[in-house]
């Protein structure tokens, strides 16, 4: 991945049964990476609290 790739804009869509329409947002690859790291940290914290 080149230096310019981090600023490439992606569309992220979340959709599940209870939503009437998909939730979509345009974010950069850099923002997506930061979001995924936060989610990973949150999952780790949850695992530690629940003992899993």
PDB file of N, CA and C in Angstrom:
ATOM      1  N   UNK A   1       0.852  -1.180   0.000  1.00  0.00           N
ATOM      2  CA  UNK A   1       0.000   0.000   0.000  1.00  0.00           C
ATOM      3  C   UNK A   1       0.893   1.236   0.000  1.00  0.00           C
ATOM      4  N   UNK A   2       0.658   2.138  -0.931  1.00  0.00           N
ATOM      5  CA  UNK A   2       1.433   3.356  -1.038  1.00  0.00           C
ATOM      6  C   UNK A   2       0.977   4.411  -0.047  1.00  0.00           C
ATOM      7  N   UNK A   3       1.747   5.475   0.044  1.00  0.00           N
ATOM      8  CA  UNK A   3       1.435   6.554   0.985  1.00  0.00           C
ATOM      9  C   UNK A   3       0.089   7.196   0.693  1.00  0.00           C
ATOM     10  N   UNK A   4      -0.271   7.296  -0.595  1.00  0.00           N
ATOM     11  CA  UNK A   4      -1.531   7.938  -0.957  1.00  0.00           C
ATOM     12  C   UNK A   4      -2.748   7.060  -0.663  1.00  0.00           C
ATOM     13  N   UNK A   5      -2.550   5.757  -0.521  1.00  0.00           N
ATOM     14  CA  UNK A   5      -3.665   4.851  -0.300  1.00  0.00           C
ATOM     15  C   UNK A   5      -4.394   5.114   1.016  1.00  0.00           C
ATOM     16  N   UNK A   6      -3.698   5.631   2.014  1.00  0.00           N
ATOM     17  CA  UNK A   6      -4.317   5.885   3.315  1.00  0.00           C
ATOM     18  C   UNK A   6      -5.422   6.925   3.228  1.00  0.00           C
ATOM     19  N   UNK A   7      -5.356   7.782   2.219  1.00  0.00           N
ATOM     20  CA  UNK A   7      -6.368   8.826   2.058  1.00  0.00           C
ATOM     21  C   UNK A   7      -7.459   8.455   1.061  1.00  0.00           C
ATOM     22  N   UNK A   8      -7.394   7.237   0.539  1.00  0.00           N
ATOM     23  CA  UNK A   8      -8.451   6.772  -0.375  1.00  0.00           C
ATOM     24  C   UNK A   8      -9.769   6.672   0.398  1.00  0.00           C
ATOM     25  N   UNK A   9     -10.848   7.129  -0.216  1.00  0.00           N
ATOM     26  CA  UNK A   9     -12.157   7.125   0.439  1.00  0.00           C
ATOM     27  C   UNK A   9     -12.885   5.829   0.106  1.00  0.00           C
ATOM     28  N   UNK A  10     -13.422   5.204   1.151  1.00  0.00           N
ATOM     29  CA  UNK A  10     -14.187   3.973   1.034  1.00  0.00           C
ATOM     30  C   UNK A  10     -15.582   4.202   1.590  1.00  0.00           C
ATOM     31  N   UNK A  11     -16.544   3.458   1.109  1.00  0.00           N
ATOM     32  CA  UNK A  11     -17.879   3.486   1.689  1.00  0.00           C
ATOM     33  C   UNK A  11     -18.037   2.259   2.568  1.00  0.00           C
ATOM     34  N   UNK A  12     -18.348   2.492   3.838  1.00  0.00           N
ATOM     35  CA  UNK A  12     -18.573   1.414   4.797  1.00  0.00           C
ATOM     36  C   UNK A  12     -20.074   1.322   5.020  1.00  0.00           C
ATOM     37  N   UNK A  13     -20.616   0.122   4.904  1.00  0.00           N
ATOM     38  CA  UNK A  13     -22.057  -0.086   5.098  1.00  0.00           C
ATOM     39  C   UNK A  13     -22.289  -1.113   6.200  1.00  0.00           C
ATOM     40  N   UNK A  14     -23.141  -0.770   7.141  1.00  0.00           N
ATOM     41  CA  UNK A  14     -23.557  -1.690   8.199  1.00  0.00           C
ATOM     42  C   UNK A  14     -25.026  -1.993   7.987  1.00  0.00           C
ATOM     43  N   UNK A  15     -25.363  -3.245   8.071  1.00  0.00           N
ATOM     44  CA  UNK A  15     -26.757  -3.643   7.835  1.00  0.00           C
ATOM     45  C   UNK A  15     -27.045  -4.896   8.646  1.00  0.00           C
ATOM     46  N   UNK A  16     -28.154  -4.912   9.323  1.00  0.00           N
ATOM     47  CA  UNK A  16     -28.619  -6.102  10.028  1.00  0.00           C
ATOM     48  C   UNK A  16     -30.125  -6.090  10.057  1.00  0.00           C
ATOM     49  N   UNK A  17     -30.717  -7.162  10.526  1.00  0.00           N
ATOM     50  CA  UNK A  17     -32.158  -7.386  10.414  1.00  0.00           C
ATOM     51  C   UNK A  17     -33.020  -6.262  10.993  1.00  0.00           C
ATOM     52  N   UNK A  18     -32.590  -5.646  12.086  1.00  0.00           N
ATOM     53  CA  UNK A  18     -33.427  -4.637  12.747  1.00  0.00           C
ATOM     54  C   UNK A  18     -33.372  -3.260  12.095  1.00  0.00           C
ATOM     55  N   UNK A  19     -32.465  -3.057  11.154  1.00  0.00           N
ATOM     56  CA  UNK A  19     -32.377  -1.761  10.470  1.00  0.00           C
ATOM     57  C   UNK A  19     -33.340  -1.728   9.290  1.00  0.00           C
ATOM     58  N   UNK A  20     -33.996  -0.595   9.122  1.00  0.00           N
ATOM     59  CA  UNK A  20     -34.883  -0.456   7.958  1.00  0.00           C
ATOM     60  C   UNK A  20     -34.079  -0.145   6.696  1.00  0.00           C
ATOM     61  N   UNK A  21     -32.938   0.545   6.858  1.00  0.00           N
ATOM     62  CA  UNK A  21     -32.023   0.810   5.748  1.00  0.00           C
ATOM     63  C   UNK A  21     -30.598   0.657   6.253  1.00  0.00           C
ATOM     64  N   UNK A  22     -29.691   0.368   5.350  1.00  0.00           N
ATOM     65  CA  UNK A  22     -28.283   0.223   5.728  1.00  0.00           C
ATOM     66  C   UNK A  22     -27.726   1.564   6.202  1.00  0.00           C
ATOM     67  N   UNK A  23     -26.834   1.508   7.158  1.00  0.00           N
ATOM     68  CA  UNK A  23     -26.128   2.685   7.669  1.00  0.00           C
ATOM     69  C   UNK A  23     -24.826   2.775   6.874  1.00  0.00           C
ATOM     70  N   UNK A  24     -24.632   3.821   6.103  1.00  0.00           N
ATOM     71  CA  UNK A  24     -23.427   3.955   5.290  1.00  0.00           C
ATOM     72  C   UNK A  24     -22.712   5.259   5.588  1.00  0.00           C
ATOM     73  N   UNK A  25     -21.387   5.193   5.519  1.00  0.00           N
ATOM     74  CA  UNK A  25     -20.554   6.377   5.706  1.00  0.00           C
ATOM     75  C   UNK A  25     -19.337   6.250   4.803  1.00  0.00           C
ATOM     76  N   UNK A  26     -18.883   7.376   4.286  1.00  0.00           N
ATOM     77  CA  UNK A  26     -17.640   7.426   3.531  1.00  0.00           C
ATOM     78  C   UNK A  26     -16.520   7.800   4.495  1.00  0.00           C
ATOM     79  N   UNK A  27     -15.482   6.986   4.539  1.00  0.00           N
ATOM     80  CA  UNK A  27     -14.330   7.237   5.401  1.00  0.00           C
ATOM     81  C   UNK A  27     -13.067   6.884   4.630  1.00  0.00           C
ATOM     82  N   UNK A  28     -11.942   7.379   5.115  1.00  0.00           N
ATOM     83  CA  UNK A  28     -10.675   7.055   4.469  1.00  0.00           C
ATOM     84  C   UNK A  28     -10.161   5.715   4.992  1.00  0.00           C
ATOM     85  N   UNK A  29      -9.228   5.137   4.250  1.00  0.00           N
ATOM     86  CA  UNK A  29      -8.605   3.884   4.707  1.00  0.00           C
ATOM     87  C   UNK A  29      -7.950   4.095   6.078  1.00  0.00           C
ATOM     88  N   UNK A  30      -7.356   5.272   6.292  1.00  0.00           N
ATOM     89  CA  UNK A  30      -6.720   5.567   7.585  1.00  0.00           C
ATOM     90  C   UNK A  30      -7.764   5.545   8.699  1.00  0.00           C
ATOM     91  N   UNK A  31      -8.916   6.176   8.471  1.00  0.00           N
ATOM     92  CA  UNK A  31      -9.981   6.183   9.477  1.00  0.00           C
ATOM     93  C   UNK A  31     -10.494   4.773   9.732  1.00  0.00           C
ATOM     94  N   UNK A  32     -10.621   3.985   8.676  1.00  0.00           N
ATOM     95  CA  UNK A  32     -11.077   2.606   8.842  1.00  0.00           C
ATOM     96  C   UNK A  32     -10.085   1.822   9.687  1.00  0.00           C
ATOM     97  N   UNK A  33      -8.798   2.000   9.432  1.00  0.00           N
ATOM     98  CA  UNK A  33      -7.781   1.318  10.232  1.00  0.00           C
ATOM     99  C   UNK A  33      -7.871   1.692  11.701  1.00  0.00           C
ATOM    100  N   UNK A  34      -8.053   2.980  11.988  1.00  0.00           N
ATOM    101  CA  UNK A  34      -8.181   3.450  13.372  1.00  0.00           C
ATOM    102  C   UNK A  34      -9.435   2.874  14.024  1.00  0.00           C
ATOM    103  N   UNK A  35     -10.523   2.828  13.283  1.00  0.00           N
ATOM    104  CA  UNK A  35     -11.774   2.263  13.794  1.00  0.00           C
ATOM    105  C   UNK A  35     -11.607   0.784  14.132  1.00  0.00           C
ATOM    106  N   UNK A  36     -10.969   0.037  13.247  1.00  0.00           N
ATOM    107  CA  UNK A  36     -10.767  -1.388  13.490  1.00  0.00           C
ATOM    108  C   UNK A  36      -9.863  -1.630  14.700  1.00  0.00           C
ATOM    109  N   UNK A  37      -8.846  -0.791  14.890  1.00  0.00           N
ATOM    110  CA  UNK A  37      -7.993  -0.916  16.073  1.00  0.00           C
ATOM    111  C   UNK A  37      -8.781  -0.650  17.349  1.00  0.00           C
ATOM    112  N   UNK A  38      -9.655   0.357  17.330  1.00  0.00           N
ATOM    113  CA  UNK A  38     -10.498   0.639  18.504  1.00  0.00           C
ATOM    114  C   UNK A  38     -11.436  -0.532  18.810  1.00  0.00           C
ATOM    115  N   UNK A  39     -12.046  -1.087  17.769  1.00  0.00           N
ATOM    116  CA  UNK A  39     -12.945  -2.224  17.972  1.00  0.00           C
ATOM    117  C   UNK A  39     -12.188  -3.418  18.541  1.00  0.00           C
ATOM    118  N   UNK A  40     -10.970  -3.645  18.062  1.00  0.00           N
ATOM    119  CA  UNK A  40     -10.145  -4.732  18.570  1.00  0.00           C
ATOM    120  C   UNK A  40      -9.819  -4.513  20.043  1.00  0.00           C
ATOM    121  N   UNK A  41      -9.484  -3.263  20.415  1.00  0.00           N
ATOM    122  CA  UNK A  41      -9.222  -2.940  21.824  1.00  0.00           C
ATOM    123  C   UNK A  41     -10.456  -3.164  22.679  1.00  0.00           C
ATOM    124  N   UNK A  42     -11.613  -2.753  22.177  1.00  0.00           N
ATOM    125  CA  UNK A  42     -12.860  -2.937  22.916  1.00  0.00           C
ATOM    126  C   UNK A  42     -13.160  -4.421  23.110  1.00  0.00           C
ATOM    127  N   UNK A  43     -12.921  -5.222  22.089  1.00  0.00           N
ATOM    128  CA  UNK A  43     -13.149  -6.667  22.203  1.00  0.00           C
ATOM    129  C   UNK A  43     -12.206  -7.268  23.232  1.00  0.00           C
ATOM    130  N   UNK A  44     -10.962  -6.815  23.250  1.00  0.00           N
ATOM    131  CA  UNK A  44     -10.003  -7.298  24.241  1.00  0.00           C
ATOM    132  C   UNK A  44     -10.426  -6.935  25.654  1.00  0.00           C
ATOM    133  N   UNK A  45     -10.881  -5.690  25.851  1.00  0.00           N
ATOM    134  CA  UNK A  45     -11.354  -5.265  27.172  1.00  0.00           C
ATOM    135  C   UNK A  45     -12.549  -6.092  27.613  1.00  0.00           C
ATOM    136  N   UNK A  46     -13.457  -6.361  26.706  1.00  0.00           N
ATOM    137  CA  UNK A  46     -14.638  -7.167  27.026  1.00  0.00           C
ATOM    138  C   UNK A  46     -14.235  -8.578  27.420  1.00  0.00           C
ATOM    139  N   UNK A  47     -13.318  -9.154  26.673  1.00  0.00           N
ATOM    140  CA  UNK A  47     -12.843 -10.510  26.985  1.00  0.00           C
ATOM    141  C   UNK A  47     -12.205 -10.582  28.360  1.00  0.00           C
ATOM    142  N   UNK A  48     -11.426  -9.562  28.703  1.00  0.00           N
ATOM    143  CA  UNK A  48     -10.779  -9.528  30.026  1.00  0.00           C
ATOM    144  C   UNK A  48     -11.809  -9.448  31.142  1.00  0.00           C
ATOM    145  N   UNK A  49     -12.850  -8.653  30.949  1.00  0.00           N
ATOM    146  CA  UNK A  49     -13.878  -8.495  31.980  1.00  0.00           C
ATOM    147  C   UNK A  49     -14.733  -9.739  32.148  1.00  0.00           C
ATOM    148  N   UNK A  50     -14.987 -10.445  31.047  1.00  0.00           N
ATOM    149  CA  UNK A  50     -15.846 -11.615  31.113  1.00  0.00           C
ATOM    150  C   UNK A  50     -15.064 -12.890  31.332  1.00  0.00           C
ATOM    151  N   UNK A  51     -13.722 -12.799  31.309  1.00  0.00           N
ATOM    152  CA  UNK A  51     -12.895 -13.971  31.547  1.00  0.00           C
ATOM    153  C   UNK A  51     -12.853 -14.929  30.369  1.00  0.00           C
ATOM    154  N   UNK A  52     -13.119 -14.440  29.199  1.00  0.00           N
ATOM    155  CA  UNK A  52     -13.096 -15.304  28.010  1.00  0.00           C
ATOM    156  C   UNK A  52     -11.813 -15.150  27.255  1.00  0.00           C
TER     157      UNK A  52
END
